[in-house]
Amino acid sequence: MAGSRTALSLCALLALSMMSSGCLALSIQREVMESWRDPPEHINQDVTVGWTEMFETGTELDSVLYQNETTIVFDETVSSLSINFRAQFPYSSTLEDLIGNETNQVRYVEARLWEPGAKESGGNPFWEVRATQDFQAPYDWQIDFIEGTWILEVEARGWGITTPVEQLSFHDSFELYATITKPCVHFPSSHEVYENGEKECTFLSELED
């Protein structure tokens, strides 16, 4: 019953706007169109940076060096931070038993996350880890983060050998990803909804600029 009254009211407003002239008509039509729009939807959106690397050395005896860094911007709306880190060094414990700690220098992953200005000033990283054997762990924070540009960096060495016999092949590898979560606004009238169900949106911090 309430829906019928609403529809009748909208029809009456449209009829009135058609009979009106000039700015009044445009104003009434604008109000009617606005009332038909779905309200904006506030959702949380993830921003992720990082890398996946698998080492391949072929016939070389020396391990391969991999270095990389990237930035991620924290603003006042960031609500959480998570880091997913995984390193795999096949047969590392066996080799270490045979030749000692030498493998710690040729097979390793070192990762760090720096707050704004900390690296340049010689300070300590916000987070760091060094792995020389198989290792996997998630890290999560929900705190008041320092605003600005953070630096995620990695240095790693590893071996990788592919042989005709699959059982004799092995590759060192790692995954390192940092994810921040920020509030985002989805406007149904202008944003898309993708086939996988994810919704296009605009970060709240961008709307406030």
C-alpha atoms as a PDB file:
ATOM      1  CA  MET A   1       0.000   0.000   0.000  1.00  0.00           C
ATOM      2  CA  ALA A   2       2.838   2.368   0.888  1.00  0.00           C
ATOM      3  CA  GLY A   3       4.556   1.467  -2.379  1.00  0.00           C
ATOM      4  CA  SER A   4       1.434   2.354  -4.350  1.00  0.00           C
ATOM      5  CA  ARG A   5       1.186   5.730  -2.617  1.00  0.00           C
ATOM      6  CA  THR A   6       4.849   6.412  -3.388  1.00  0.00           C
ATOM      7  CA  ALA A   7       4.382   5.550  -7.053  1.00  0.00           C
ATOM      8  CA  LEU A   8       1.287   7.775  -7.284  1.00  0.00           C
ATOM      9  CA  SER A   9       3.162  10.610  -5.640  1.00  0.00           C
ATOM     10  CA  LEU A  10       6.026  10.301  -8.111  1.00  0.00           C
ATOM     11  CA  CYS A  11       3.605  10.251 -11.045  1.00  0.00           C
ATOM     12  CA  ALA A  12       1.913  13.351  -9.691  1.00  0.00           C
ATOM     13  CA  LEU A  13       5.258  15.119  -9.338  1.00  0.00           C
ATOM     14  CA  LEU A  14       6.209  14.213 -12.897  1.00  0.00           C
ATOM     15  CA  ALA A  15       2.883  15.476 -14.199  1.00  0.00           C
ATOM     16  CA  LEU A  16       3.324  18.699 -12.240  1.00  0.00           C
ATOM     17  CA  SER A  17       6.820  19.164 -13.625  1.00  0.00           C
ATOM     18  CA  MET A  18       5.552  18.725 -17.172  1.00  0.00           C
ATOM     19  CA  MET A  19       2.938  21.399 -16.634  1.00  0.00           C
ATOM     20  CA  SER A  20       5.453  23.703 -14.968  1.00  0.00           C
ATOM     21  CA  SER A  21       7.964  25.746 -16.880  1.00  0.00           C
ATOM     22  CA  GLY A  22      11.564  26.826 -16.651  1.00  0.00           C
ATOM     23  CA  CYS A  23      13.721  26.236 -13.598  1.00  0.00           C
ATOM     24  CA  LEU A  24      10.831  24.942 -11.480  1.00  0.00           C
ATOM     25  CA  ALA A  25      10.213  22.050 -13.856  1.00  0.00           C
ATOM     26  CA  LEU A  26      13.905  21.148 -14.001  1.00  0.00           C
ATOM     27  CA  SER A  27      14.151  21.299 -10.233  1.00  0.00           C
ATOM     28  CA  ILE A  28      11.168  18.973  -9.748  1.00  0.00           C
ATOM     29  CA  GLN A  29      12.474  16.495 -12.331  1.00  0.00           C
ATOM     30  CA  ARG A  30      15.901  16.490 -10.704  1.00  0.00           C
ATOM     31  CA  GLU A  31      14.371  15.729  -7.312  1.00  0.00           C
ATOM     32  CA  VAL A  32      12.352  12.863  -8.802  1.00  0.00           C
ATOM     33  CA  MET A  33      15.397  11.356 -10.544  1.00  0.00           C
ATOM     34  CA  GLU A  34      17.462  11.621  -7.364  1.00  0.00           C
ATOM     35  CA  SER A  35      14.776   9.756  -5.426  1.00  0.00           C
ATOM     36  CA  TRP A  36      15.015   6.853  -7.886  1.00  0.00           C
ATOM     37  CA  ARG A  37      18.741   6.356  -7.446  1.00  0.00           C
ATOM     38  CA  ASP A  38      20.043   3.582  -5.213  1.00  0.00           C
ATOM     39  CA  PRO A  39      21.925   4.950  -2.191  1.00  0.00           C
ATOM     40  CA  PRO A  40      25.743   4.700  -2.176  1.00  0.00           C
ATOM     41  CA  GLU A  41      27.193   1.600  -0.549  1.00  0.00           C
ATOM     42  CA  HIS A  42      30.160   1.776   1.813  1.00  0.00           C
ATOM     43  CA  ILE A  43      32.497  -1.211   1.529  1.00  0.00           C
ATOM     44  CA  ASN A  44      36.086  -2.107   2.483  1.00  0.00           C
ATOM     45  CA  GLN A  45      38.577  -2.431  -0.348  1.00  0.00           C
ATOM     46  CA  ASP A  46      42.043  -4.055  -0.235  1.00  0.00           C
ATOM     47  CA  VAL A  47      45.182  -2.604  -1.808  1.00  0.00           C
ATOM     48  CA  THR A  48      47.936  -5.220  -2.259  1.00  0.00           C
ATOM     49  CA  VAL A  49      51.591  -4.963  -3.316  1.00  0.00           C
ATOM     50  CA  GLY A  50      54.319  -7.593  -3.441  1.00  0.00           C
ATOM     51  CA  TRP A  51      55.910 -10.388  -5.432  1.00  0.00           C
ATOM     52  CA  THR A  52      56.123 -14.090  -6.152  1.00  0.00           C
ATOM     53  CA  GLU A  53      59.506 -15.417  -7.280  1.00  0.00           C
ATOM     54  CA  MET A  54      60.762 -18.866  -8.255  1.00  0.00           C
ATOM     55  CA  PHE A  55      64.518 -19.237  -8.735  1.00  0.00           C
ATOM     56  CA  GLU A  56      66.151 -20.895 -11.746  1.00  0.00           C
ATOM     57  CA  THR A  57      69.946 -21.233 -11.864  1.00  0.00           C
ATOM     58  CA  GLY A  58      70.299 -23.891 -14.540  1.00  0.00           C
ATOM     59  CA  THR A  59      73.847 -25.197 -14.694  1.00  0.00           C
ATOM     60  CA  GLU A  60      75.285 -22.316 -12.637  1.00  0.00           C
ATOM     61  CA  LEU A  61      76.661 -23.232  -9.231  1.00  0.00           C
ATOM     62  CA  ASP A  62      76.095 -19.789  -7.730  1.00  0.00           C
ATOM     63  CA  SER A  63      72.706 -18.873  -6.354  1.00  0.00           C
ATOM     64  CA  VAL A  64      70.710 -16.088  -8.012  1.00  0.00           C
ATOM     65  CA  LEU A  65      70.260 -12.721  -6.269  1.00  0.00           C
ATOM     66  CA  TYR A  66      66.815 -11.112  -6.309  1.00  0.00           C
ATOM     67  CA  GLN A  67      66.140  -7.605  -4.976  1.00  0.00           C
ATOM     68  CA  ASN A  68      63.037  -5.462  -5.207  1.00  0.00           C
ATOM     69  CA  GLU A  69      61.131  -2.734  -3.423  1.00  0.00           C
ATOM     70  CA  THR A  70      57.818  -0.951  -3.801  1.00  0.00           C
ATOM     71  CA  THR A  71      55.760   1.645  -1.977  1.00  0.00           C
ATOM     72  CA  ILE A  72      52.294   1.697  -0.485  1.00  0.00           C
ATOM     73  CA  VAL A  73      50.531   4.851   0.699  1.00  0.00           C
ATOM     74  CA  PHE A  74      48.843   4.925   4.093  1.00  0.00           C
ATOM     75  CA  ASP A  75      46.263   7.647   4.755  1.00  0.00           C
ATOM     76  CA  GLU A  76      44.019   8.335   7.740  1.00  0.00           C
ATOM     77  CA  THR A  77      41.365   5.898   6.499  1.00  0.00           C
ATOM     78  CA  VAL A  78      43.563   2.756   6.541  1.00  0.00           C
ATOM     79  CA  SER A  79      42.043   0.379   9.077  1.00  0.00           C
ATOM     80  CA  SER A  80      44.270  -2.698   8.882  1.00  0.00           C
ATOM     81  CA  LEU A  81      47.510  -4.113   7.502  1.00  0.00           C
ATOM     82  CA  SER A  82      48.356  -7.729   6.745  1.00  0.00           C
ATOM     83  CA  ILE A  83      51.502  -9.368   5.392  1.00  0.00           C
ATOM     84  CA  ASN A  84      51.587 -12.834   3.886  1.00  0.00           C
ATOM     85  CA  PHE A  85      55.072 -14.318   3.678  1.00  0.00           C
ATOM     86  CA  ARG A  86      56.119 -17.771   2.505  1.00  0.00           C
ATOM     87  CA  ALA A  87      59.569 -19.151   1.659  1.00  0.00           C
ATOM     88  CA  GLN A  88      60.470 -22.620   0.398  1.00  0.00           C
ATOM     89  CA  PHE A  89      63.992 -24.062   0.285  1.00  0.00           C
ATOM     90  CA  PRO A  90      63.834 -27.749  -0.686  1.00  0.00           C
ATOM     91  CA  TYR A  91      66.383 -29.984   1.088  1.00  0.00           C
ATOM     92  CA  SER A  92      67.698 -26.968   3.039  1.00  0.00           C
ATOM     93  CA  SER A  93      67.852 -28.817   6.361  1.00  0.00           C
ATOM     94  CA  THR A  94      69.697 -31.749   4.736  1.00  0.00           C
ATOM     95  CA  LEU A  95      72.262 -29.479   3.086  1.00  0.00           C
ATOM     96  CA  GLU A  96      72.789 -27.548   6.292  1.00  0.00           C
ATOM     97  CA  ASP A  97      73.485 -30.781   8.154  1.00  0.00           C
ATOM     98  CA  LEU A  98      76.072 -31.721   5.500  1.00  0.00           C
ATOM     99  CA  ILE A  99      77.927 -28.442   4.999  1.00  0.00           C
ATOM    100  CA  GLY A 100      76.920 -26.327   7.987  1.00  0.00           C
ATOM    101  CA  ASN A 101      75.510 -22.800   7.895  1.00  0.00           C
ATOM    102  CA  GLU A 102      76.974 -21.922   4.493  1.00  0.00           C
ATOM    103  CA  THR A 103      73.521 -22.295   2.963  1.00  0.00           C
ATOM    104  CA  ASN A 104      72.343 -19.375   5.096  1.00  0.00           C
ATOM    105  CA  GLN A 105      74.417 -17.100   2.861  1.00  0.00           C
ATOM    106  CA  VAL A 106      73.389 -18.514  -0.512  1.00  0.00           C
ATOM    107  CA  ARG A 107      69.740 -19.452   0.144  1.00  0.00           C
ATOM    108  CA  TYR A 108      67.715 -16.930   2.101  1.00  0.00           C
ATOM    109  CA  VAL A 109      64.922 -14.342   1.977  1.00  0.00           C
ATOM    110  CA  GLU A 110      65.076 -11.077   3.912  1.00  0.00           C
ATOM    111  CA  ALA A 111      61.983  -8.868   3.892  1.00  0.00           C
ATOM    112  CA  ARG A 112      61.254  -5.534   5.564  1.00  0.00           C
ATOM    113  CA  LEU A 113      58.493  -2.967   5.785  1.00  0.00           C
ATOM    114  CA  TRP A 114      59.519   0.602   6.606  1.00  0.00           C
ATOM    115  CA  GLU A 115      57.408   3.416   7.980  1.00  0.00           C
ATOM    116  CA  PRO A 116      57.777   6.846   6.314  1.00  0.00           C
ATOM    117  CA  GLY A 117      61.280   8.258   6.869  1.00  0.00           C
ATOM    118  CA  ALA A 118      62.548   5.345   8.993  1.00  0.00           C
ATOM    119  CA  LYS A 119      64.866   3.825   6.380  1.00  0.00           C
ATOM    120  CA  GLU A 120      66.406   7.156   5.375  1.00  0.00           C
ATOM    121  CA  SER A 121      67.080   8.130   8.997  1.00  0.00           C
ATOM    122  CA  GLY A 122      68.687   4.804   9.908  1.00  0.00           C
ATOM    123  CA  GLY A 123      65.796   3.686  12.106  1.00  0.00           C
ATOM    124  CA  ASN A 124      64.356   0.225  12.606  1.00  0.00           C
ATOM    125  CA  PRO A 125      61.861  -1.355  10.207  1.00  0.00           C
ATOM    126  CA  PHE A 126      58.223  -1.669  11.240  1.00  0.00           C
ATOM    127  CA  TRP A 127      58.436  -5.390  10.344  1.00  0.00           C
ATOM    128  CA  GLU A 128      61.195  -7.717   9.170  1.00  0.00           C
ATOM    129  CA  VAL A 129      61.861 -11.416   8.710  1.00  0.00           C
ATOM    130  CA  ARG A 130      64.713 -13.610   7.485  1.00  0.00           C
ATOM    131  CA  ALA A 131      64.106 -17.167   6.337  1.00  0.00           C
ATOM    132  CA  THR A 132      66.735 -19.791   5.422  1.00  0.00           C
ATOM    133  CA  GLN A 133      64.451 -22.814   5.571  1.00  0.00           C
ATOM    134  CA  ASP A 134      60.810 -23.444   4.736  1.00  0.00           C
ATOM    135  CA  PHE A 135      58.738 -20.808   6.470  1.00  0.00           C
ATOM    136  CA  GLN A 136      55.182 -19.490   6.254  1.00  0.00           C
ATOM    137  CA  ALA A 137      53.331 -17.037   8.489  1.00  0.00           C
ATOM    138  CA  PRO A 138      50.629 -14.357   8.266  1.00  0.00           C
ATOM    139  CA  TYR A 139      50.993 -11.062  10.120  1.00  0.00           C
ATOM    140  CA  ASP A 140      48.110  -8.711  10.961  1.00  0.00           C
ATOM    141  CA  TRP A 141      47.834  -5.271  12.564  1.00  0.00           C
ATOM    142  CA  GLN A 142      44.903  -3.009  13.432  1.00  0.00           C
ATOM    143  CA  ILE A 143      46.481   0.110  14.914  1.00  0.00           C
ATOM    144  CA  ASP A 144      46.852   3.825  14.222  1.00  0.00           C
ATOM    145  CA  PHE A 145      49.302   3.771  11.335  1.00  0.00           C
ATOM    146  CA  ILE A 146      51.700   6.593  10.506  1.00  0.00           C
ATOM    147  CA  GLU A 147      50.394   8.351   7.407  1.00  0.00           C
ATOM    148  CA  GLY A 148      52.616   8.613   4.361  1.00  0.00           C
ATOM    149  CA  THR A 149      54.555   6.429   1.930  1.00  0.00           C
ATOM    150  CA  TRP A 150      55.736   3.093   3.335  1.00  0.00           C
ATOM    151  CA  ILE A 151      58.432   0.951   1.685  1.00  0.00           C
ATOM    152  CA  LEU A 152      58.243  -2.829   1.251  1.00  0.00           C
ATOM    153  CA  GLU A 153      61.553  -4.423   0.246  1.00  0.00           C
ATOM    154  CA  VAL A 154      63.010  -7.877  -0.265  1.00  0.00           C
ATOM    155  CA  GLU A 155      66.458  -9.373  -0.834  1.00  0.00           C
ATOM    156  CA  ALA A 156      66.781 -13.074  -1.581  1.00  0.00           C
ATOM    157  CA  ARG A 157      69.140 -15.692  -2.958  1.00  0.00           C
ATOM    158  CA  GLY A 158      68.099 -19.087  -4.219  1.00  0.00           C
ATOM    159  CA  TRP A 159      68.812 -22.086  -6.422  1.00  0.00           C
ATOM    160  CA  GLY A 160      66.618 -23.680  -9.010  1.00  0.00           C
ATOM    161  CA  ILE A 161      67.372 -26.729 -11.148  1.00  0.00           C
ATOM    162  CA  THR A 162      65.150 -28.371 -13.740  1.00  0.00           C
ATOM    163  CA  THR A 163      66.195 -31.876 -14.792  1.00  0.00           C
ATOM    164  CA  PRO A 164      64.694 -34.505 -17.125  1.00  0.00           C
ATOM    165  CA  VAL A 165      63.862 -36.482 -13.981  1.00  0.00           C
ATOM    166  CA  GLU A 166      61.129 -34.507 -12.218  1.00  0.00           C
ATOM    167  CA  GLN A 167      61.955 -35.973  -8.823  1.00  0.00           C
ATOM    168  CA  LEU A 168      65.460 -34.489  -9.046  1.00  0.00           C
ATOM    169  CA  SER A 169      64.273 -30.983  -9.936  1.00  0.00           C
ATOM    170  CA  PHE A 170      63.883 -28.355  -7.238  1.00  0.00           C
ATOM    171  CA  HIS A 171      63.380 -24.591  -7.028  1.00  0.00           C
ATOM    172  CA  ASP A 172      63.707 -22.176  -4.159  1.00  0.00           C
ATOM    173  CA  SER A 173      60.813 -19.708  -4.069  1.00  0.00           C
ATOM    174  CA  PHE A 174      59.064 -17.089  -1.999  1.00  0.00           C
ATOM    175  CA  GLU A 175      55.868 -15.041  -1.842  1.00  0.00           C
ATOM    176  CA  LEU A 176      55.644 -11.656  -0.158  1.00  0.00           C
ATOM    177  CA  TYR A 177      52.491  -9.515  -0.184  1.00  0.00           C
ATOM    178  CA  ALA A 178      51.394  -6.563   1.957  1.00  0.00           C
ATOM    179  CA  THR A 179      47.721  -5.579   2.000  1.00  0.00           C
ATOM    180  CA  ILE A 180      46.055  -2.518   3.480  1.00  0.00           C
ATOM    181  CA  THR A 181      42.286  -2.133   3.878  1.00  0.00           C
ATOM    182  CA  LYS A 182      40.547   1.186   3.203  1.00  0.00           C
ATOM    183  CA  PRO A 183      36.880   2.298   3.129  1.00  0.00           C
ATOM    184  CA  CYS A 184      35.455   2.701  -0.341  1.00  0.00           C
ATOM    185  CA  VAL A 185      32.149   4.033  -1.704  1.00  0.00           C
ATOM    186  CA  HIS A 186      30.232   2.258  -4.463  1.00  0.00           C
ATOM    187  CA  PHE A 187      27.803   4.464  -6.401  1.00  0.00           C
ATOM    188  CA  PRO A 188      25.321   2.164  -8.202  1.00  0.00           C
ATOM    189  CA  SER A 189      24.492   4.854 -10.760  1.00  0.00           C
ATOM    190  CA  SER A 190      28.091   5.263 -11.962  1.00  0.00           C
ATOM    191  CA  HIS A 191      30.147   2.250 -10.799  1.00  0.00           C
ATOM    192  CA  GLU A 192      30.245  -1.211 -12.332  1.00  0.00           C
ATOM    193  CA  VAL A 193      29.623  -4.571 -10.711  1.00  0.00           C
ATOM    194  CA  TYR A 194      32.023  -7.127 -12.190  1.00  0.00           C
ATOM    195  CA  GLU A 195      31.196 -10.702 -13.176  1.00  0.00           C
ATOM    196  CA  ASN A 196      32.930 -12.080 -10.072  1.00  0.00           C
ATOM    197  CA  GLY A 197      30.674  -9.942  -7.872  1.00  0.00           C
ATOM    198  CA  GLU A 198      33.305  -7.349  -6.982  1.00  0.00           C
ATOM    199  CA  LYS A 199      32.120  -3.758  -7.068  1.00  0.00           C
ATOM    200  CA  GLU A 200      33.906  -0.781  -8.528  1.00  0.00           C
ATOM    201  CA  CYS A 201      34.236   2.003  -5.989  1.00  0.00           C
ATOM    202  CA  THR A 202      36.029   5.217  -5.068  1.00  0.00           C
ATOM    203  CA  PHE A 203      38.163   5.405  -1.957  1.00  0.00           C
ATOM    204  CA  LEU A 204      36.709   7.603   0.763  1.00  0.00           C
ATOM    205  CA  SER A 205      40.049   9.447   1.060  1.00  0.00           C
ATOM    206  CA  GLU A 206      39.763  10.488  -2.610  1.00  0.00           C
ATOM    207  CA  LEU A 207      36.245  11.813  -2.100  1.00  0.00           C
ATOM    208  CA  GLU A 208      37.431  13.894   0.839  1.00  0.00           C
ATOM    209  CA  ASP A 209      40.279  15.542  -1.117  1.00  0.00           C
END
